[in-house]
PDB file of N, CA and C in Angstrom:
ATOM      1  N   UNK A   1      -6.211  13.332 -12.355  1.00  0.00           N
ATOM      2  CA  UNK A   1      -6.214  11.844 -12.220  1.00  0.00           C
ATOM      3  C   UNK A   1      -6.895  11.618 -11.144  1.00  0.00           C
ATOM      4  N   UNK A   2      -7.331  10.816 -10.576  1.00  0.00           N
ATOM      5  CA  UNK A   2      -8.092  10.077  -9.093  1.00  0.00           C
ATOM      6  C   UNK A   2      -6.591   8.755  -8.650  1.00  0.00           C
ATOM      7  N   UNK A   3      -5.923   9.104  -7.710  1.00  0.00           N
ATOM      8  CA  UNK A   3      -5.152   8.167  -7.089  1.00  0.00           C
ATOM      9  C   UNK A   3      -5.298   6.751  -6.552  1.00  0.00           C
ATOM     10  N   UNK A   4      -5.117   6.088  -6.783  1.00  0.00           N
ATOM     11  CA  UNK A   4      -5.405   5.156  -6.448  1.00  0.00           C
ATOM     12  C   UNK A   4      -4.173   4.672  -5.476  1.00  0.00           C
ATOM     13  N   UNK A   5      -4.700   3.054  -4.215  1.00  0.00           N
ATOM     14  CA  UNK A   5      -3.064   3.013  -3.408  1.00  0.00           C
ATOM     15  C   UNK A   5      -3.840   1.330  -3.196  1.00  0.00           C
ATOM     16  N   UNK A   6      -3.171   0.711  -3.319  1.00  0.00           N
ATOM     17  CA  UNK A   6      -3.688  -1.142  -2.793  1.00  0.00           C
ATOM     18  C   UNK A   6      -2.237  -0.993  -2.052  1.00  0.00           C
ATOM     19  N   UNK A   7      -2.660  -1.799  -1.149  1.00  0.00           N
ATOM     20  CA  UNK A   7      -1.531  -2.768  -0.278  1.00  0.00           C
ATOM     21  C   UNK A   7      -1.795  -4.175   0.061  1.00  0.00           C
ATOM     22  N   UNK A   8      -0.527  -4.423  -0.916  1.00  0.00           N
ATOM     23  CA  UNK A   8      -0.573  -5.569  -1.330  1.00  0.00           C
ATOM     24  C   UNK A   8       0.248  -6.642  -0.161  1.00  0.00           C
ATOM     25  N   UNK A   9      -0.807  -7.867   0.669  1.00  0.00           N
ATOM     26  CA  UNK A   9      -0.154  -8.316   2.057  1.00  0.00           C
ATOM     27  C   UNK A   9      -0.755  -9.857   1.715  1.00  0.00           C
ATOM     28  N   UNK A  10      -0.542 -10.699   3.004  1.00  0.00           N
ATOM     29  CA  UNK A  10      -0.899 -12.085   3.108  1.00  0.00           C
ATOM     30  C   UNK A  10      -1.923 -12.340   4.434  1.00  0.00           C
ATOM     31  N   UNK A  11      -2.384 -11.257   4.385  1.00  0.00           N
ATOM     32  CA  UNK A  11      -2.932 -10.816   5.707  1.00  0.00           C
ATOM     33  C   UNK A  11      -1.804 -10.588   7.515  1.00  0.00           C
ATOM     34  N   UNK A  12      -0.715 -10.628   7.031  1.00  0.00           N
ATOM     35  CA  UNK A  12       0.063 -10.548   8.351  1.00  0.00           C
ATOM     36  C   UNK A  12       0.160  -9.767   9.464  1.00  0.00           C
ATOM     37  N   UNK A  13       0.631  -9.320  10.422  1.00  0.00           N
ATOM     38  CA  UNK A  13       0.697  -8.541  11.429  1.00  0.00           C
ATOM     39  C   UNK A  13       1.074  -7.057  10.478  1.00  0.00           C
ATOM     40  N   UNK A  14       2.171  -7.150  10.037  1.00  0.00           N
ATOM     41  CA  UNK A  14       3.393  -6.120   9.122  1.00  0.00           C
ATOM     42  C   UNK A  14       2.018  -5.952   8.139  1.00  0.00           C
ATOM     43  N   UNK A  15       1.697  -6.660   7.018  1.00  0.00           N
ATOM     44  CA  UNK A  15       0.397  -6.683   6.271  1.00  0.00           C
ATOM     45  C   UNK A  15      -0.946  -5.719   6.975  1.00  0.00           C
ATOM     46  N   UNK A  16      -1.621  -5.166   7.766  1.00  0.00           N
ATOM     47  CA  UNK A  16      -2.572  -4.910   8.350  1.00  0.00           C
ATOM     48  C   UNK A  16      -1.842  -3.798   9.257  1.00  0.00           C
ATOM     49  N   UNK A  17      -0.613  -3.814   9.343  1.00  0.00           N
ATOM     50  CA  UNK A  17       0.201  -2.566   9.893  1.00  0.00           C
ATOM     51  C   UNK A  17      -0.066  -1.819   8.783  1.00  0.00           C
ATOM     52  N   UNK A  18       0.194  -2.114   7.212  1.00  0.00           N
ATOM     53  CA  UNK A  18       0.652  -1.058   6.115  1.00  0.00           C
ATOM     54  C   UNK A  18      -0.159  -0.598   5.971  1.00  0.00           C
ATOM     55  N   UNK A  19      -1.475  -1.280   6.074  1.00  0.00           N
ATOM     56  CA  UNK A  19      -2.723  -0.983   5.273  1.00  0.00           C
ATOM     57  C   UNK A  19      -2.872   0.477   6.635  1.00  0.00           C
ATOM     58  N   UNK A  20      -3.529  -0.300   8.240  1.00  0.00           N
ATOM     59  CA  UNK A  20      -3.683   1.400   8.775  1.00  0.00           C
ATOM     60  C   UNK A  20      -3.329   2.180   8.612  1.00  0.00           C
ATOM     61  N   UNK A  21      -1.599   1.993   8.616  1.00  0.00           N
ATOM     62  CA  UNK A  21      -0.619   3.176   8.662  1.00  0.00           C
ATOM     63  C   UNK A  21      -1.353   4.267   6.995  1.00  0.00           C
ATOM     64  N   UNK A  22      -1.315   3.503   6.118  1.00  0.00           N
ATOM     65  CA  UNK A  22      -1.391   4.692   5.137  1.00  0.00           C
ATOM     66  C   UNK A  22      -2.941   4.584   4.634  1.00  0.00           C
ATOM     67  N   UNK A  23      -4.268   4.111   5.208  1.00  0.00           N
ATOM     68  CA  UNK A  23      -5.153   4.774   5.784  1.00  0.00           C
ATOM     69  C   UNK A  23      -5.608   5.614   6.194  1.00  0.00           C
ATOM     70  N   UNK A  24      -4.252   5.974   7.388  1.00  0.00           N
ATOM     71  CA  UNK A  24      -4.361   7.605   7.839  1.00  0.00           C
ATOM     72  C   UNK A  24      -3.353   8.161   7.008  1.00  0.00           C
ATOM     73  N   UNK A  25      -2.524   7.894   6.407  1.00  0.00           N
ATOM     74  CA  UNK A  25      -1.822   8.710   5.780  1.00  0.00           C
ATOM     75  C   UNK A  25      -2.661   9.501   4.624  1.00  0.00           C
ATOM     76  N   UNK A  26      -3.809   8.609   4.536  1.00  0.00           N
ATOM     77  CA  UNK A  26      -4.542   9.430   3.255  1.00  0.00           C
ATOM     78  C   UNK A  26      -5.325   9.738   3.499  1.00  0.00           C
ATOM     79  N   UNK A  27      -6.231   9.728   5.210  1.00  0.00           N
ATOM     80  CA  UNK A  27      -7.191  10.652   5.565  1.00  0.00           C
ATOM     81  C   UNK A  27      -7.412  12.303   5.669  1.00  0.00           C
ATOM     82  N   UNK A  28      -8.939  12.712   5.051  1.00  0.00           N
ATOM     83  CA  UNK A  28      -9.325  13.500   4.397  1.00  0.00           C
ATOM     84  C   UNK A  28      -9.091  13.778   2.748  1.00  0.00           C
ATOM     85  N   UNK A  29      -8.560  12.720   2.642  1.00  0.00           N
ATOM     86  CA  UNK A  29      -7.579  13.573   0.869  1.00  0.00           C
ATOM     87  C   UNK A  29      -8.837  12.692  -0.710  1.00  0.00           C
ATOM     88  N   UNK A  30     -10.208  11.417   0.566  1.00  0.00           N
ATOM     89  CA  UNK A  30     -10.369  11.340  -0.107  1.00  0.00           C
ATOM     90  C   UNK A  30     -10.318  10.271  -1.309  1.00  0.00           C
ATOM     91  N   UNK A  31      -8.841   9.714  -1.008  1.00  0.00           N
ATOM     92  CA  UNK A  31      -8.610   8.763  -1.391  1.00  0.00           C
ATOM     93  C   UNK A  31      -9.068   7.001  -0.591  1.00  0.00           C
ATOM     94  N   UNK A  32      -9.334   6.195  -1.959  1.00  0.00           N
ATOM     95  CA  UNK A  32      -9.507   4.694  -1.721  1.00  0.00           C
ATOM     96  C   UNK A  32      -8.021   3.620  -1.179  1.00  0.00           C
ATOM     97  N   UNK A  33      -8.337   3.273  -0.043  1.00  0.00           N
ATOM     98  CA  UNK A  33      -6.923   2.245   0.151  1.00  0.00           C
ATOM     99  C   UNK A  33      -7.220   0.771  -0.394  1.00  0.00           C
ATOM    100  N   UNK A  34      -6.954   0.502  -1.052  1.00  0.00           N
ATOM    101  CA  UNK A  34      -7.735  -0.938  -1.380  1.00  0.00           C
ATOM    102  C   UNK A  34      -6.570  -1.675  -0.876  1.00  0.00           C
ATOM    103  N   UNK A  35      -6.928  -3.058   0.053  1.00  0.00           N
ATOM    104  CA  UNK A  35      -6.262  -4.073   0.562  1.00  0.00           C
ATOM    105  C   UNK A  35      -6.280  -5.361  -0.003  1.00  0.00           C
ATOM    106  N   UNK A  36      -5.075  -5.718  -0.958  1.00  0.00           N
ATOM    107  CA  UNK A  36      -5.254  -7.041  -1.835  1.00  0.00           C
ATOM    108  C   UNK A  36      -4.432  -8.512  -0.846  1.00  0.00           C
ATOM    109  N   UNK A  37      -5.276  -9.359  -1.355  1.00  0.00           N
ATOM    110  CA  UNK A  37      -4.578 -10.288  -0.423  1.00  0.00           C
ATOM    111  C   UNK A  37      -4.344 -11.536  -1.646  1.00  0.00           C
ATOM    112  N   UNK A  38      -5.165 -11.302  -2.776  1.00  0.00           N
ATOM    113  CA  UNK A  38      -5.409 -12.748  -3.301  1.00  0.00           C
ATOM    114  C   UNK A  38      -4.020 -12.209  -4.456  1.00  0.00           C
ATOM    115  N   UNK A  39      -3.317 -14.005  -3.874  1.00  0.00           N
ATOM    116  CA  UNK A  39      -1.911 -13.852  -4.623  1.00  0.00           C
ATOM    117  C   UNK A  39      -1.131 -13.779  -5.444  1.00  0.00           C
ATOM    118  N   UNK A  40      -2.490 -14.234  -6.463  1.00  0.00           N
ATOM    119  CA  UNK A  40      -2.223 -14.199  -8.196  1.00  0.00           C
ATOM    120  C   UNK A  40      -2.056 -12.720  -8.376  1.00  0.00           C
ATOM    121  N   UNK A  41      -3.158 -11.552  -7.752  1.00  0.00           N
ATOM    122  CA  UNK A  41      -3.175 -10.292  -7.921  1.00  0.00           C
ATOM    123  C   UNK A  41      -1.653  -9.998  -7.453  1.00  0.00           C
ATOM    124  N   UNK A  42      -1.920 -10.053  -6.102  1.00  0.00           N
ATOM    125  CA  UNK A  42       0.218 -10.007  -5.956  1.00  0.00           C
ATOM    126  C   UNK A  42       1.484 -10.417  -6.783  1.00  0.00           C
ATOM    127  N   UNK A  43       0.985 -11.356  -7.156  1.00  0.00           N
ATOM    128  CA  UNK A  43       2.528 -11.868  -8.349  1.00  0.00           C
ATOM    129  C   UNK A  43       2.713 -10.931  -9.287  1.00  0.00           C
ATOM    130  N   UNK A  44       1.275 -10.974  -9.821  1.00  0.00           N
ATOM    131  CA  UNK A  44       1.177  -9.463 -11.098  1.00  0.00           C
ATOM    132  C   UNK A  44       2.379  -8.418 -10.536  1.00  0.00           C
ATOM    133  N   UNK A  45       1.973  -7.727  -9.560  1.00  0.00           N
ATOM    134  CA  UNK A  45       3.404  -6.531  -9.742  1.00  0.00           C
ATOM    135  C   UNK A  45       4.403  -7.150  -9.367  1.00  0.00           C
ATOM    136  N   UNK A  46       4.871  -8.769  -9.426  1.00  0.00           N
ATOM    137  CA  UNK A  46       6.568  -9.218  -9.312  1.00  0.00           C
ATOM    138  C   UNK A  46       6.828  -8.568  -7.928  1.00  0.00           C
ATOM    139  N   UNK A  47       5.879  -8.817  -6.765  1.00  0.00           N
ATOM    140  CA  UNK A  47       6.588  -8.335  -4.988  1.00  0.00           C
ATOM    141  C   UNK A  47       7.202  -9.527  -5.091  1.00  0.00           C
ATOM    142  N   UNK A  48       7.937 -10.029  -4.221  1.00  0.00           N
ATOM    143  CA  UNK A  48       9.261 -10.708  -3.728  1.00  0.00           C
ATOM    144  C   UNK A  48       8.798 -10.823  -2.035  1.00  0.00           C
ATOM    145  N   UNK A  49       8.664  -9.680  -1.541  1.00  0.00           N
ATOM    146  CA  UNK A  49       8.526  -9.322  -0.187  1.00  0.00           C
ATOM    147  C   UNK A  49       7.218  -8.715   0.327  1.00  0.00           C
ATOM    148  N   UNK A  50       6.441  -9.234   1.145  1.00  0.00           N
ATOM    149  CA  UNK A  50       4.834  -8.169   1.704  1.00  0.00           C
ATOM    150  C   UNK A  50       5.857  -7.992   2.985  1.00  0.00           C
ATOM    151  N   UNK A  51       4.999  -6.690   3.798  1.00  0.00           N
ATOM    152  CA  UNK A  51       3.820  -5.877   2.796  1.00  0.00           C
ATOM    153  C   UNK A  51       4.583  -5.082   1.511  1.00  0.00           C
ATOM    154  N   UNK A  52       3.308  -4.806   0.335  1.00  0.00           N
ATOM    155  CA  UNK A  52       4.137  -3.997  -0.626  1.00  0.00           C
ATOM    156  C   UNK A  52       2.594  -2.419  -0.719  1.00  0.00           C
ATOM    157  N   UNK A  53       3.288  -1.495  -1.107  1.00  0.00           N
ATOM    158  CA  UNK A  53       2.002  -0.510  -1.922  1.00  0.00           C
ATOM    159  C   UNK A  53       2.660  -0.349  -2.761  1.00  0.00           C
ATOM    160  N   UNK A  54       1.709  -0.525  -3.753  1.00  0.00           N
ATOM    161  CA  UNK A  54       1.384   0.070  -5.022  1.00  0.00           C
ATOM    162  C   UNK A  54      -0.107   1.341  -5.302  1.00  0.00           C
ATOM    163  N   UNK A  55       0.996   2.283  -5.480  1.00  0.00           N
ATOM    164  CA  UNK A  55       0.257   4.019  -5.477  1.00  0.00           C
ATOM    165  C   UNK A  55       0.458   3.934  -7.431  1.00  0.00           C
ATOM    166  N   UNK A  56      -0.831   4.769  -7.425  1.00  0.00           N
ATOM    167  CA  UNK A  56      -1.134   4.405  -9.460  1.00  0.00           C
ATOM    168  C   UNK A  56      -0.212   3.400 -10.192  1.00  0.00           C
ATOM    169  N   UNK A  57      -0.616   1.780  -9.702  1.00  0.00           N
ATOM    170  CA  UNK A  57      -0.414   0.832 -10.249  1.00  0.00           C
ATOM    171  C   UNK A  57       1.400   0.358 -10.383  1.00  0.00           C
ATOM    172  N   UNK A  58       1.431   1.507 -10.084  1.00  0.00           N
ATOM    173  CA  UNK A  58       3.333   1.476  -9.777  1.00  0.00           C
ATOM    174  C   UNK A  58       3.546   0.997  -8.255  1.00  0.00           C
ATOM    175  N   UNK A  59       4.858  -0.305  -8.151  1.00  0.00           N
ATOM    176  CA  UNK A  59       4.839  -0.549  -6.608  1.00  0.00           C
ATOM    177  C   UNK A  59       6.044   0.407  -6.351  1.00  0.00           C
ATOM    178  N   UNK A  60       5.483   0.971  -5.102  1.00  0.00           N
ATOM    179  CA  UNK A  60       6.754   2.125  -4.625  1.00  0.00           C
ATOM    180  C   UNK A  60       6.893   1.784  -3.559  1.00  0.00           C
ATOM    181  N   UNK A  61       7.168   0.237  -2.368  1.00  0.00           N
ATOM    182  CA  UNK A  61       7.420   0.105  -1.550  1.00  0.00           C
ATOM    183  C   UNK A  61       7.698  -1.631  -1.343  1.00  0.00           C
ATOM    184  N   UNK A  62       7.872  -2.492  -0.840  1.00  0.00           N
ATOM    185  CA  UNK A  62       7.906  -3.422  -0.600  1.00  0.00           C
ATOM    186  C   UNK A  62       9.088  -4.485   0.958  1.00  0.00           C
ATOM    187  N   UNK A  63       8.086  -4.993   1.334  1.00  0.00           N
ATOM    188  CA  UNK A  63       9.096  -5.524   2.968  1.00  0.00           C
ATOM    189  C   UNK A  63       9.346  -4.584   3.649  1.00  0.00           C
ATOM    190  N   UNK A  64       8.083  -3.967   3.710  1.00  0.00           N
ATOM    191  CA  UNK A  64       8.612  -2.577   4.733  1.00  0.00           C
ATOM    192  C   UNK A  64       7.067  -2.545   5.203  1.00  0.00           C
ATOM    193  N   UNK A  65       6.972  -2.191   6.625  1.00  0.00           N
ATOM    194  CA  UNK A  65       6.275  -1.443   7.233  1.00  0.00           C
ATOM    195  C   UNK A  65       6.035   0.125   7.246  1.00  0.00           C
ATOM    196  N   UNK A  66       5.980   1.018   6.254  1.00  0.00           N
ATOM    197  CA  UNK A  66       5.636   2.000   6.449  1.00  0.00           C
ATOM    198  C   UNK A  66       5.101   3.351   7.231  1.00  0.00           C
ATOM    199  N   UNK A  67       5.630   4.236   7.676  1.00  0.00           N
ATOM    200  CA  UNK A  67       4.958   5.125   8.803  1.00  0.00           C
ATOM    201  C   UNK A  67       4.345   6.304   8.070  1.00  0.00           C
ATOM    202  N   UNK A  68       2.956   6.932   8.808  1.00  0.00           N
ATOM    203  CA  UNK A  68       2.278   7.162   7.767  1.00  0.00           C
ATOM    204  C   UNK A  68       2.487   8.604   6.945  1.00  0.00           C
ATOM    205  N   UNK A  69       3.878   8.982   7.416  1.00  0.00           N
ATOM    206  CA  UNK A  69       4.379  10.385   6.732  1.00  0.00           C
ATOM    207  C   UNK A  69       5.547   9.464   5.794  1.00  0.00           C
ATOM    208  N   UNK A  70       6.229   8.730   5.521  1.00  0.00           N
ATOM    209  CA  UNK A  70       6.746   8.152   4.793  1.00  0.00           C
ATOM    210  C   UNK A  70       5.954   7.650   3.507  1.00  0.00           C
ATOM    211  N   UNK A  71       4.548   7.383   3.772  1.00  0.00           N
ATOM    212  CA  UNK A  71       3.661   7.163   3.322  1.00  0.00           C
ATOM    213  C   UNK A  71       3.201   7.907   1.891  1.00  0.00           C
ATOM    214  N   UNK A  72       3.088   9.912   2.277  1.00  0.00           N
ATOM    215  CA  UNK A  72       2.230  10.241   2.049  1.00  0.00           C
ATOM    216  C   UNK A  72       3.687  11.033   1.163  1.00  0.00           C
ATOM    217  N   UNK A  73       4.925  10.718   1.682  1.00  0.00           N
ATOM    218  CA  UNK A  73       6.423  11.278   0.429  1.00  0.00           C
ATOM    219  C   UNK A  73       6.352  10.696  -0.671  1.00  0.00           C
ATOM    220  N   UNK A  74       5.532   9.351  -0.307  1.00  0.00           N
ATOM    221  CA  UNK A  74       5.267   8.295  -2.162  1.00  0.00           C
ATOM    222  C   UNK A  74       4.348   8.844  -2.759  1.00  0.00           C
ATOM    223  N   UNK A  75       3.573   9.196  -1.933  1.00  0.00           N
ATOM    224  CA  UNK A  75       1.923   9.775  -2.871  1.00  0.00           C
ATOM    225  C   UNK A  75       2.182  10.966  -3.541  1.00  0.00           C
ATOM    226  N   UNK A  76       2.825  12.120  -2.572  1.00  0.00           N
ATOM    227  CA  UNK A  76       3.345  12.919  -3.233  1.00  0.00           C
ATOM    228  C   UNK A  76       2.788  13.961  -2.948  1.00  0.00           C
ATOM    229  N   UNK A  77       1.657  13.886  -1.666  1.00  0.00           N
ATOM    230  CA  UNK A  77       0.983  14.717  -1.128  1.00  0.00           C
ATOM    231  C   UNK A  77       1.357  15.463  -0.169  1.00  0.00           C
TER     232      UNK A  77
END
């Protein structure tokens, strides 16, 4: 199964940081990271605070800017 990762955010500094850290975490794994800024789509995940991280359509983190090592643990790689 292909791993899908989405960073949900409004475009704020913390959201960009989470996106950058996620891209670093999956470097060389062939996993694509999607940056979602559409509030309608973000609401569908039930996110109350951003940035948020979605792995395989499951919300795994919200309101925190995770470090690459923390992201790797959540992805399970």
